[in-house]
Protein backbone atom coordinates (compact mmCIF):
# COMPACT_ATOMS: atom_id res chain seq x y z
CA MET A 1 -69.53 -49.62 -24.68
CA THR A 2 -67.97 -53.02 -24.97
CA HIS A 3 -69.16 -55.93 -27.02
CA ALA A 4 -68.73 -59.50 -26.00
CA LEU A 5 -66.85 -61.57 -28.50
CA PRO A 6 -68.92 -64.28 -30.16
CA PRO A 7 -68.27 -67.70 -28.74
CA THR A 8 -65.46 -69.49 -30.47
CA ALA A 9 -66.63 -72.44 -32.49
CA PRO A 10 -65.01 -75.70 -31.45
CA PRO A 11 -62.33 -76.85 -33.85
CA PRO A 12 -63.47 -79.47 -36.34
CA THR A 13 -62.78 -83.02 -35.35
CA ALA A 14 -59.61 -84.18 -37.06
CA PRO A 15 -60.31 -87.02 -39.47
CA ALA A 16 -58.95 -90.44 -38.67
CA PRO A 17 -55.68 -91.45 -40.33
CA ILE A 18 -55.76 -93.56 -43.46
CA ALA A 19 -54.39 -97.10 -43.67
CA ALA A 20 -54.06 -99.75 -46.38
CA GLN A 21 -55.36 -103.28 -45.92
CA LEU A 22 -52.69 -105.50 -47.47
CA TRP A 23 -55.22 -107.98 -48.84
CA SER A 24 -55.39 -105.44 -51.67
CA LEU A 25 -51.88 -106.56 -52.62
CA HIS A 26 -52.19 -110.17 -51.52
CA GLU A 27 -50.59 -111.84 -54.54
CA GLU A 28 -47.56 -109.57 -54.58
CA ALA A 29 -47.26 -109.63 -50.78
CA SER A 30 -47.15 -113.42 -50.86
CA ARG A 31 -43.97 -113.06 -52.95
CA ASP A 32 -42.43 -109.92 -51.44
CA LEU A 33 -44.19 -108.59 -48.35
CA LEU A 34 -41.31 -106.33 -47.34
CA GLY A 35 -41.20 -104.74 -50.79
CA VAL A 36 -44.96 -104.18 -50.72
CA LEU A 37 -44.63 -102.36 -47.41
CA GLU A 38 -42.10 -99.99 -48.97
CA ARG A 39 -44.34 -99.20 -51.94
CA VAL A 40 -47.35 -98.56 -49.71
CA ALA A 41 -45.31 -96.17 -47.60
CA GLU A 42 -44.24 -94.34 -50.79
CA LEU A 43 -47.92 -93.73 -51.60
CA GLY A 44 -48.21 -91.73 -48.38
CA TYR A 45 -50.05 -94.26 -46.25
CA PRO A 46 -48.97 -93.93 -42.61
CA ALA A 47 -50.30 -97.34 -41.59
CA VAL A 48 -51.18 -100.81 -42.79
CA GLU A 49 -53.44 -103.62 -41.68
CA THR A 50 -51.90 -107.02 -42.36
CA ILE A 51 -53.68 -110.12 -43.58
CA SER A 52 -50.69 -112.48 -43.17
CA LEU A 53 -46.97 -112.45 -42.49
CA TYR A 54 -46.43 -114.75 -45.48
CA GLY A 55 -43.85 -116.87 -43.72
CA HIS A 56 -41.71 -113.97 -42.51
CA ARG A 57 -40.45 -113.88 -38.96
CA PRO A 58 -42.53 -111.42 -36.91
CA ALA A 59 -39.37 -109.57 -35.84
CA ALA A 60 -38.40 -109.01 -39.50
CA VAL A 61 -41.82 -107.56 -40.34
CA ARG A 62 -41.67 -105.37 -37.24
CA ALA A 63 -38.23 -104.09 -38.21
CA ARG A 64 -39.43 -103.25 -41.72
CA LEU A 65 -42.46 -101.38 -40.40
CA ASP A 66 -40.26 -99.38 -38.06
CA ALA A 67 -37.73 -98.57 -40.78
CA LEU A 68 -40.52 -97.25 -43.02
CA ASP A 69 -42.25 -95.38 -40.17
CA LEU A 70 -45.40 -97.41 -40.81
CA THR A 71 -47.88 -98.04 -38.02
CA LEU A 72 -49.48 -101.47 -37.76
CA CYS A 73 -53.03 -100.30 -37.07
CA SER A 74 -54.32 -103.87 -36.71
CA ALA A 75 -53.82 -107.37 -38.05
CA HIS A 76 -56.31 -109.77 -39.57
CA ALA A 77 -55.66 -113.06 -37.83
CA PRO A 78 -57.91 -115.94 -36.77
CA PHE A 79 -59.62 -115.51 -33.42
CA PRO A 80 -57.16 -116.74 -30.75
CA ALA A 81 -59.48 -119.32 -29.22
CA GLY A 82 -59.07 -123.02 -28.58
CA GLU A 83 -55.79 -124.88 -29.07
CA ALA A 84 -54.43 -122.40 -31.62
CA ALA A 85 -54.77 -119.38 -29.33
CA THR A 86 -51.25 -119.32 -27.87
CA GLY A 87 -49.51 -119.58 -31.24
CA ILE A 88 -51.62 -116.81 -32.77
CA LEU A 89 -51.05 -114.48 -29.84
CA ASP A 90 -47.31 -115.23 -29.68
CA GLU A 91 -46.85 -114.37 -33.38
CA TYR A 92 -48.82 -111.15 -33.38
CA GLU A 93 -47.55 -109.97 -30.03
CA GLU A 94 -44.02 -110.23 -31.44
CA VAL A 95 -44.94 -108.26 -34.57
CA GLY A 96 -46.42 -105.54 -32.37
CA ALA A 97 -50.12 -105.83 -33.18
CA ASP A 98 -52.41 -104.53 -30.44
CA THR A 99 -55.66 -105.37 -32.25
CA LEU A 100 -56.52 -108.63 -34.02
CA VAL A 101 -59.46 -108.66 -36.43
CA TRP A 102 -61.37 -111.60 -37.88
CA SER A 103 -64.81 -112.75 -39.04
CA LEU A 104 -67.30 -115.55 -38.68
CA GLU A 105 -68.03 -117.71 -41.71
CA PRO A 106 -71.22 -117.09 -43.73
CA GLU A 107 -72.68 -120.44 -42.63
CA GLU A 108 -72.42 -119.32 -39.01
CA PHE A 109 -75.30 -116.94 -39.73
CA SER A 110 -77.63 -119.77 -40.75
CA SER A 111 -79.39 -119.77 -37.37
CA ALA A 112 -79.53 -117.83 -34.13
CA ASP A 113 -77.89 -120.74 -32.30
CA ALA A 114 -74.98 -120.76 -34.74
CA ILE A 115 -74.49 -117.02 -34.24
CA LEU A 116 -74.44 -117.46 -30.47
CA ARG A 117 -71.87 -120.25 -30.72
CA GLY A 118 -69.72 -117.99 -32.88
CA ALA A 119 -70.04 -115.21 -30.33
CA GLU A 120 -68.81 -117.54 -27.60
CA ARG A 121 -65.66 -118.21 -29.62
CA ILE A 122 -65.09 -114.50 -30.18
CA ASN A 123 -65.59 -113.74 -26.49
CA GLU A 124 -63.08 -116.45 -25.57
CA ALA A 125 -60.62 -114.89 -28.02
CA ALA A 126 -61.16 -111.45 -26.46
CA ALA A 127 -60.40 -112.80 -23.00
CA ASN A 128 -57.26 -114.55 -24.25
CA ALA A 129 -56.09 -111.42 -26.04
CA ALA A 130 -56.78 -109.18 -23.04
CA ALA A 131 -54.42 -111.32 -20.98
CA ARG A 132 -51.66 -110.17 -23.37
CA GLY A 133 -52.77 -106.53 -23.42
CA MET A 134 -54.28 -107.02 -26.89
CA ARG A 135 -57.78 -106.51 -28.27
CA ILE A 136 -60.14 -108.32 -30.63
CA ALA A 137 -62.30 -106.67 -33.28
CA TYR A 138 -65.03 -108.20 -35.43
CA HIS A 139 -65.04 -107.66 -39.22
CA ASN A 140 -68.29 -108.21 -41.13
CA HIS A 141 -69.09 -109.44 -44.60
CA PHE A 142 -72.62 -109.38 -46.01
CA ALA A 143 -74.24 -112.48 -44.49
CA GLU A 144 -74.51 -110.54 -41.24
CA PHE A 145 -76.99 -108.13 -42.87
CA ARG A 146 -78.80 -110.41 -45.31
CA THR A 147 -79.76 -112.89 -42.58
CA ARG A 148 -82.83 -111.77 -40.64
CA PHE A 149 -84.66 -113.12 -37.61
CA ALA A 150 -87.86 -112.27 -35.77
CA GLY A 151 -87.25 -110.40 -32.52
CA LEU A 152 -88.60 -111.35 -29.11
CA THR A 153 -91.86 -109.48 -29.65
CA GLY A 154 -92.47 -111.12 -33.01
CA HIS A 155 -92.92 -107.71 -34.62
CA GLU A 156 -89.33 -106.51 -34.86
CA VAL A 157 -86.82 -107.87 -37.35
CA LEU A 158 -83.22 -108.36 -36.30
CA THR A 159 -80.29 -108.90 -38.61
CA GLY A 160 -77.62 -111.46 -37.88
CA TYR A 161 -75.38 -108.52 -37.06
CA ASP A 162 -77.86 -107.32 -34.42
CA LEU A 163 -77.90 -110.74 -32.79
CA LEU A 164 -74.12 -111.04 -32.88
CA LEU A 165 -73.52 -107.62 -31.33
CA GLY A 166 -75.98 -108.40 -28.56
CA ALA A 167 -74.05 -111.55 -27.69
CA LEU A 168 -70.53 -110.16 -27.87
CA ASP A 169 -68.62 -108.99 -24.84
CA PRO A 170 -68.57 -105.17 -24.91
CA ALA A 171 -64.77 -105.40 -24.96
CA VAL A 172 -64.94 -106.74 -28.53
CA LEU A 173 -64.38 -103.85 -30.94
CA LEU A 174 -65.86 -103.55 -34.40
CA GLU A 175 -64.39 -103.06 -37.84
CA LEU A 176 -67.22 -102.18 -40.21
CA ASP A 177 -66.68 -103.16 -43.81
CA THR A 178 -68.92 -100.54 -45.36
CA TYR A 179 -68.89 -102.20 -48.79
CA TRP A 180 -70.13 -105.54 -47.54
CA ALA A 181 -72.71 -103.84 -45.32
CA HIS A 182 -74.07 -102.14 -48.46
CA THR A 183 -73.99 -105.45 -50.34
CA GLY A 184 -76.02 -106.99 -47.52
CA GLY A 185 -78.73 -104.36 -47.87
CA ALA A 186 -77.74 -102.01 -45.04
CA ASP A 187 -76.96 -98.30 -45.12
CA PRO A 188 -73.25 -98.22 -44.24
CA ALA A 189 -73.34 -94.65 -42.90
CA ALA A 190 -76.31 -95.42 -40.65
CA VAL A 191 -74.67 -98.56 -39.32
CA ALA A 192 -71.39 -96.75 -38.68
CA ALA A 193 -73.15 -93.93 -36.85
CA SER A 194 -75.05 -96.41 -34.65
CA LEU A 195 -71.91 -98.15 -33.37
CA GLY A 196 -70.46 -95.22 -31.42
CA ALA A 197 -67.07 -95.55 -29.77
CA ARG A 198 -67.04 -99.31 -30.28
CA LEU A 199 -66.32 -98.75 -33.97
CA GLU A 200 -62.54 -98.94 -34.13
CA SER A 201 -62.11 -98.81 -37.90
CA VAL A 202 -63.93 -98.87 -41.22
CA HIS A 203 -63.04 -100.61 -44.44
CA LEU A 204 -63.74 -98.33 -47.38
CA LYS A 205 -64.09 -99.56 -50.96
CA ASP A 206 -66.37 -99.05 -53.94
CA GLY A 207 -67.79 -101.20 -56.70
CA PRO A 208 -71.04 -102.83 -57.86
CA ALA A 209 -71.85 -104.31 -54.40
CA GLN A 210 -73.18 -107.59 -55.78
CA GLY A 211 -71.08 -110.33 -54.20
CA MET A 212 -67.74 -111.72 -53.14
CA ASP A 213 -66.36 -111.83 -56.71
CA ASP A 214 -66.84 -108.09 -57.27
CA HIS A 215 -64.06 -106.04 -58.82
CA MET A 216 -63.51 -102.76 -57.01
CA VAL A 217 -63.35 -99.36 -58.67
CA PRO A 218 -62.06 -95.90 -57.67
CA PHE A 219 -64.11 -94.15 -55.02
CA GLY A 220 -67.08 -92.39 -56.53
CA GLU A 221 -67.37 -94.74 -59.53
CA GLY A 222 -69.37 -97.48 -57.82
CA VAL A 223 -72.64 -97.62 -55.91
CA VAL A 224 -71.34 -97.03 -52.37
CA ASP A 225 -71.51 -93.56 -50.82
CA VAL A 226 -67.95 -93.71 -49.53
CA GLU A 227 -67.93 -90.09 -48.36
CA ALA A 228 -71.05 -90.54 -46.22
CA ALA A 229 -69.63 -93.72 -44.71
CA ALA A 230 -66.33 -91.99 -43.92
CA ARG A 231 -68.07 -89.04 -42.27
CA ALA A 232 -70.67 -91.01 -40.33
CA ASN A 233 -68.83 -91.70 -37.08
CA PRO A 234 -66.21 -89.21 -35.85
CA GLN A 235 -65.03 -91.69 -33.19
CA VAL A 236 -63.51 -94.04 -35.78
CA ARG A 237 -59.76 -94.39 -35.26
CA TRP A 238 -58.74 -95.72 -38.72
CA ASN A 239 -60.07 -95.31 -42.25
CA ILE A 240 -58.77 -98.41 -44.00
CA VAL A 241 -58.72 -98.71 -47.79
CA GLU A 242 -59.26 -102.25 -49.02
CA MET A 243 -59.68 -103.30 -52.63
CA ASP A 244 -60.31 -107.04 -52.77
CA ARG A 245 -59.67 -107.25 -56.52
CA SER A 246 -59.81 -104.83 -59.42
CA HIS A 247 -59.23 -104.45 -63.13
CA HIS A 248 -57.18 -101.35 -62.25
CA ASP A 249 -53.50 -101.47 -61.31
CA MET A 250 -53.69 -101.87 -57.56
CA TYR A 251 -51.01 -99.34 -56.63
CA GLU A 252 -52.62 -96.76 -58.89
CA LEU A 253 -56.01 -97.55 -57.34
CA LEU A 254 -54.68 -97.24 -53.79
CA GLY A 255 -53.12 -93.92 -54.75
CA ARG A 256 -56.41 -92.63 -56.15
CA CYS A 257 -58.26 -93.75 -53.03
CA TYR A 258 -55.69 -91.96 -50.90
CA ASP A 259 -56.14 -88.75 -52.91
CA TYR A 260 -59.94 -89.03 -52.65
CA LEU A 261 -60.03 -89.44 -48.87
CA VAL A 262 -57.19 -87.10 -47.92
CA GLY A 263 -58.10 -84.52 -50.55
CA ARG A 264 -61.65 -84.25 -49.20
CA GLY A 265 -60.54 -84.04 -45.60
CA LEU A 266 -61.97 -87.49 -44.84
CA ALA A 267 -58.69 -88.98 -43.64
CA ARG A 268 -55.14 -87.95 -42.72
CA GLY A 269 -52.09 -89.17 -44.58
CA LYS A 270 -48.42 -88.36 -44.95
CA ARG A 271 -48.61 -86.20 -48.08
């Protein structure tokens, strides 16, 4: 008598790799970007997301990334639309960025018309980037979730984020800042899960979730359920640690965040 073997369970989905958003080290990077890159690599981070090149030649930054075996997962840079588009794309194409990420200003969520005008600019940027083989992603703050509008039926309530996503070209990717979503009154894990494959990356941070002047704390010591946010969407390609400001030493804090995410199997690193 033979017995059929039980079906093999599919292997667990590998967590997305971890990256560091260099805004966390903005002041030091403005003085010594290349040195900051080295220290981030020493922490075990396999990738970074830039906020600026701080006056360095793109080729020099690219060479430093390559020497440290650091991936440039994406770059925060203004939307390449209007007269500035060519210069933005030239600079970040040379540094090797394939995805540019930026935001609308809080005042652009003051009305539905303002949101739609902002979406037009983002869609123009996406078309310009696509011509170079590059992509655009949208990064939120909290105005997107605090601003609410009546839907077409008059019974539903739409957030500014809902309106924006409905107006964006599907080619525009999303980078969900889970901290600012929480600050805006949303459930970051629920939002992340709802975005499917369009969600390219998440920004993970913790703190009091009160406003833009918040000081961030180690994961698990604030009000954000970082673990739930990190687990919510298995299609995310990058888990990006960003600490806007903190009373903690920033390198120590980035190291603790790394240990939290990698140690719990929420992200992959180099150590």
